[in-house]
Amino acid sequence: ALAAGLAEAAFRHSVVAGQEALHLSAAGEAILHFEKARQLIRETPLVGAEFDAQLNDLYMQLSRAYELHGQPEQVLALKAEQAALALKRP
């Protein structure tokens, strides 16, 4: 999806891969996939109500992965970033 320039599909695939990694108790691997999805958000502004729900889910799951990986400072930083994004979105 990334090679084809399909940012929305790449975002969805990264989130699904992160979810699968969490399901397998591979928090470090989940972080890699969720961070890729987070990077895509920064590079390509995706919009829409469905995307907003996916974005909230991404931050929740990424926070959970960092928590399981023993990185509580990252959890706090994500919560602050999510709040700031919510203020910017229409």
N, C-alpha and C. Protein backbone atom coordinates (compact mmCIF):
# COMPACT_ATOMS: atom_id res chain seq x y z
N ALA A 1 0.83 -1.19 0.00
CA ALA A 1 0.00 0.00 0.00
C ALA A 1 0.87 1.26 0.00
N LEU A 2 1.96 1.23 0.78
CA LEU A 2 2.85 2.40 0.80
C LEU A 2 3.50 2.62 -0.56
N ALA A 3 3.97 1.56 -1.19
CA ALA A 3 4.62 1.67 -2.49
C ALA A 3 3.67 2.20 -3.55
N ALA A 4 2.40 1.90 -3.40
CA ALA A 4 1.39 2.34 -4.36
C ALA A 4 0.86 3.73 -4.03
N GLY A 5 1.32 4.31 -2.93
CA GLY A 5 0.86 5.64 -2.54
C GLY A 5 -0.52 5.66 -1.93
N LEU A 6 -0.94 4.54 -1.37
CA LEU A 6 -2.27 4.43 -0.77
C LEU A 6 -2.15 4.59 0.76
N ALA A 7 -2.06 5.84 1.19
CA ALA A 7 -1.81 6.13 2.61
C ALA A 7 -2.91 5.58 3.51
N GLU A 8 -4.15 5.70 3.10
CA GLU A 8 -5.25 5.23 3.94
C GLU A 8 -5.19 3.72 4.12
N ALA A 9 -4.93 3.00 3.05
CA ALA A 9 -4.81 1.53 3.15
C ALA A 9 -3.59 1.15 3.97
N ALA A 10 -2.48 1.86 3.78
CA ALA A 10 -1.27 1.58 4.58
C ALA A 10 -1.54 1.81 6.05
N PHE A 11 -2.28 2.87 6.37
CA PHE A 11 -2.65 3.15 7.75
C PHE A 11 -3.44 1.97 8.33
N ARG A 12 -4.46 1.54 7.61
CA ARG A 12 -5.30 0.43 8.09
C ARG A 12 -4.49 -0.85 8.26
N HIS A 13 -3.63 -1.15 7.32
CA HIS A 13 -2.81 -2.37 7.40
C HIS A 13 -1.86 -2.30 8.60
N SER A 14 -1.29 -1.14 8.84
CA SER A 14 -0.38 -0.99 9.99
C SER A 14 -1.12 -1.19 11.30
N VAL A 15 -2.32 -0.65 11.39
CA VAL A 15 -3.12 -0.81 12.61
C VAL A 15 -3.48 -2.28 12.82
N VAL A 16 -3.92 -2.94 11.76
CA VAL A 16 -4.27 -4.36 11.88
C VAL A 16 -3.06 -5.20 12.29
N ALA A 17 -1.91 -4.91 11.70
CA ALA A 17 -0.69 -5.64 12.06
C ALA A 17 -0.35 -5.41 13.53
N GLY A 18 -0.52 -4.19 14.01
CA GLY A 18 -0.28 -3.90 15.42
C GLY A 18 -1.25 -4.64 16.32
N GLN A 19 -2.50 -4.69 15.91
CA GLN A 19 -3.51 -5.41 16.70
C GLN A 19 -3.16 -6.90 16.79
N GLU A 20 -2.74 -7.47 15.68
CA GLU A 20 -2.36 -8.89 15.68
C GLU A 20 -1.15 -9.13 16.58
N ALA A 21 -0.19 -8.22 16.53
CA ALA A 21 0.99 -8.36 17.39
C ALA A 21 0.60 -8.29 18.86
N LEU A 22 -0.30 -7.36 19.21
CA LEU A 22 -0.78 -7.28 20.59
C LEU A 22 -1.49 -8.56 20.99
N HIS A 23 -2.28 -9.08 20.09
CA HIS A 23 -3.00 -10.33 20.35
C HIS A 23 -2.04 -11.47 20.66
N LEU A 24 -0.86 -11.42 20.04
CA LEU A 24 0.16 -12.45 20.24
C LEU A 24 1.13 -12.10 21.38
N SER A 25 0.78 -11.06 22.14
CA SER A 25 1.60 -10.60 23.27
C SER A 25 2.99 -10.13 22.82
N ALA A 26 3.07 -9.56 21.65
CA ALA A 26 4.32 -9.03 21.12
C ALA A 26 4.23 -7.50 21.12
N ALA A 27 4.32 -6.92 22.31
CA ALA A 27 4.12 -5.47 22.47
C ALA A 27 5.14 -4.67 21.67
N GLY A 28 6.39 -5.10 21.65
CA GLY A 28 7.42 -4.38 20.90
C GLY A 28 7.11 -4.34 19.41
N GLU A 29 6.68 -5.45 18.87
CA GLU A 29 6.30 -5.52 17.46
C GLU A 29 5.05 -4.67 17.19
N ALA A 30 4.11 -4.69 18.11
CA ALA A 30 2.90 -3.88 17.97
C ALA A 30 3.26 -2.40 17.92
N ILE A 31 4.19 -1.99 18.76
CA ILE A 31 4.61 -0.59 18.78
C ILE A 31 5.14 -0.18 17.42
N LEU A 32 5.95 -1.03 16.80
CA LEU A 32 6.50 -0.71 15.47
C LEU A 32 5.39 -0.46 14.45
N HIS A 33 4.39 -1.32 14.44
CA HIS A 33 3.29 -1.17 13.47
C HIS A 33 2.42 0.04 13.79
N PHE A 34 2.10 0.22 15.07
CA PHE A 34 1.27 1.36 15.44
C PHE A 34 2.01 2.68 15.19
N GLU A 35 3.30 2.69 15.44
CA GLU A 35 4.08 3.92 15.18
C GLU A 35 4.12 4.24 13.69
N LYS A 36 4.15 3.20 12.85
CA LYS A 36 4.10 3.43 11.40
C LYS A 36 2.77 4.09 11.03
N ALA A 37 1.68 3.62 11.61
CA ALA A 37 0.37 4.22 11.36
C ALA A 37 0.36 5.67 11.85
N ARG A 38 0.96 5.90 13.00
CA ARG A 38 1.03 7.26 13.57
C ARG A 38 1.84 8.17 12.65
N GLN A 39 2.93 7.66 12.09
CA GLN A 39 3.74 8.43 11.16
C GLN A 39 2.93 8.79 9.91
N LEU A 40 2.15 7.86 9.42
CA LEU A 40 1.31 8.12 8.25
C LEU A 40 0.33 9.26 8.51
N ILE A 41 -0.18 9.33 9.74
CA ILE A 41 -1.10 10.41 10.10
C ILE A 41 -0.41 11.75 9.97
N ARG A 42 0.83 11.80 10.40
CA ARG A 42 1.59 13.06 10.34
C ARG A 42 1.88 13.47 8.90
N GLU A 43 2.15 12.49 8.06
CA GLU A 43 2.54 12.77 6.67
C GLU A 43 1.35 13.02 5.75
N THR A 44 0.24 12.36 6.02
CA THR A 44 -0.92 12.44 5.14
C THR A 44 -2.16 12.68 5.98
N PRO A 45 -2.70 13.89 5.98
CA PRO A 45 -3.90 14.14 6.77
C PRO A 45 -5.11 13.38 6.21
N LEU A 46 -5.57 12.42 6.97
CA LEU A 46 -6.76 11.66 6.61
C LEU A 46 -7.93 12.23 7.40
N VAL A 47 -9.10 12.32 6.77
CA VAL A 47 -10.23 12.95 7.43
C VAL A 47 -11.47 12.06 7.32
N GLY A 48 -12.47 12.41 8.13
CA GLY A 48 -13.73 11.68 8.10
C GLY A 48 -14.05 11.09 9.46
N ALA A 49 -15.34 10.89 9.71
CA ALA A 49 -15.78 10.36 11.00
C ALA A 49 -15.23 8.97 11.26
N GLU A 50 -15.20 8.13 10.22
CA GLU A 50 -14.68 6.78 10.38
C GLU A 50 -13.19 6.82 10.74
N PHE A 51 -12.46 7.71 10.07
CA PHE A 51 -11.04 7.84 10.36
C PHE A 51 -10.82 8.34 11.79
N ASP A 52 -11.64 9.27 12.24
CA ASP A 52 -11.51 9.78 13.61
C ASP A 52 -11.64 8.65 14.63
N ALA A 53 -12.57 7.74 14.40
CA ALA A 53 -12.74 6.60 15.29
C ALA A 53 -11.51 5.70 15.23
N GLN A 54 -10.97 5.49 14.04
CA GLN A 54 -9.76 4.68 13.88
C GLN A 54 -8.56 5.33 14.55
N LEU A 55 -8.49 6.65 14.47
CA LEU A 55 -7.40 7.40 15.09
C LEU A 55 -7.45 7.24 16.61
N ASN A 56 -8.63 7.39 17.17
CA ASN A 56 -8.78 7.21 18.62
C ASN A 56 -8.40 5.80 19.03
N ASP A 57 -8.80 4.83 18.24
CA ASP A 57 -8.46 3.44 18.51
C ASP A 57 -6.96 3.22 18.42
N LEU A 58 -6.31 3.83 17.44
CA LEU A 58 -4.87 3.72 17.29
C LEU A 58 -4.17 4.21 18.56
N TYR A 59 -4.53 5.39 19.02
CA TYR A 59 -3.89 5.94 20.21
C TYR A 59 -4.14 5.08 21.44
N MET A 60 -5.33 4.54 21.56
CA MET A 60 -5.65 3.67 22.69
C MET A 60 -4.78 2.41 22.65
N GLN A 61 -4.68 1.79 21.48
CA GLN A 61 -3.92 0.56 21.36
C GLN A 61 -2.41 0.80 21.47
N LEU A 62 -1.94 1.89 20.91
CA LEU A 62 -0.52 2.21 21.02
C LEU A 62 -0.17 2.48 22.48
N SER A 63 -1.04 3.18 23.17
CA SER A 63 -0.82 3.42 24.61
C SER A 63 -0.75 2.10 25.36
N ARG A 64 -1.64 1.19 25.03
CA ARG A 64 -1.66 -0.13 25.68
C ARG A 64 -0.36 -0.89 25.39
N ALA A 65 0.12 -0.82 24.17
CA ALA A 65 1.36 -1.51 23.80
C ALA A 65 2.54 -0.93 24.58
N TYR A 66 2.61 0.40 24.68
CA TYR A 66 3.69 1.02 25.46
C TYR A 66 3.59 0.65 26.94
N GLU A 67 2.37 0.59 27.43
CA GLU A 67 2.15 0.20 28.83
C GLU A 67 2.67 -1.23 29.06
N LEU A 68 2.30 -2.14 28.18
CA LEU A 68 2.76 -3.52 28.29
C LEU A 68 4.27 -3.65 28.12
N HIS A 69 4.85 -2.74 27.37
CA HIS A 69 6.29 -2.76 27.11
C HIS A 69 7.06 -2.04 28.21
N GLY A 70 6.35 -1.54 29.22
CA GLY A 70 7.00 -0.88 30.35
C GLY A 70 7.50 0.52 30.08
N GLN A 71 6.75 1.29 29.28
CA GLN A 71 7.13 2.64 28.94
C GLN A 71 6.00 3.63 29.28
N PRO A 72 5.76 3.85 30.57
CA PRO A 72 4.65 4.72 30.96
C PRO A 72 4.80 6.17 30.51
N GLU A 73 6.04 6.64 30.33
CA GLU A 73 6.25 8.02 29.88
C GLU A 73 5.72 8.21 28.45
N GLN A 74 5.82 7.17 27.64
CA GLN A 74 5.29 7.22 26.29
C GLN A 74 3.76 7.29 26.31
N VAL A 75 3.16 6.59 27.26
CA VAL A 75 1.70 6.62 27.40
C VAL A 75 1.24 8.04 27.68
N LEU A 76 1.90 8.72 28.60
CA LEU A 76 1.54 10.10 28.93
C LEU A 76 1.73 11.03 27.74
N ALA A 77 2.81 10.85 27.00
CA ALA A 77 3.06 11.68 25.83
C ALA A 77 1.99 11.46 24.76
N LEU A 78 1.58 10.22 24.58
CA LEU A 78 0.53 9.92 23.61
C LEU A 78 -0.80 10.55 23.99
N LYS A 79 -1.13 10.49 25.27
CA LYS A 79 -2.40 11.10 25.72
C LYS A 79 -2.39 12.60 25.46
N ALA A 80 -1.27 13.25 25.70
CA ALA A 80 -1.16 14.69 25.44
C ALA A 80 -1.27 14.97 23.94
N GLU A 81 -0.60 14.16 23.13
CA GLU A 81 -0.67 14.33 21.67
C GLU A 81 -2.08 14.11 21.16
N GLN A 82 -2.75 13.11 21.67
CA GLN A 82 -4.11 12.82 21.24
C GLN A 82 -5.04 13.98 21.59
N ALA A 83 -4.87 14.55 22.77
CA ALA A 83 -5.69 15.69 23.17
C ALA A 83 -5.44 16.89 22.25
N ALA A 84 -4.18 17.13 21.91
CA ALA A 84 -3.84 18.23 21.02
C ALA A 84 -4.42 18.01 19.62
N LEU A 85 -4.38 16.78 19.14
CA LEU A 85 -4.97 16.48 17.83
C LEU A 85 -6.46 16.69 17.84
N ALA A 86 -7.11 16.31 18.92
CA ALA A 86 -8.56 16.46 19.02
C ALA A 86 -8.95 17.94 18.93
N LEU A 87 -8.14 18.81 19.48
CA LEU A 87 -8.42 20.25 19.42
C LEU A 87 -8.28 20.80 18.02
N LYS A 88 -7.37 20.22 17.24
CA LYS A 88 -7.10 20.71 15.87
C LYS A 88 -8.12 20.21 14.85
N ARG A 89 -8.74 19.08 15.13
CA ARG A 89 -9.64 18.46 14.14
C ARG A 89 -10.99 19.17 14.17
N PRO A 90 -11.58 19.32 12.96
CA PRO A 90 -12.90 19.98 12.88
C PRO A 90 -13.99 19.14 13.48
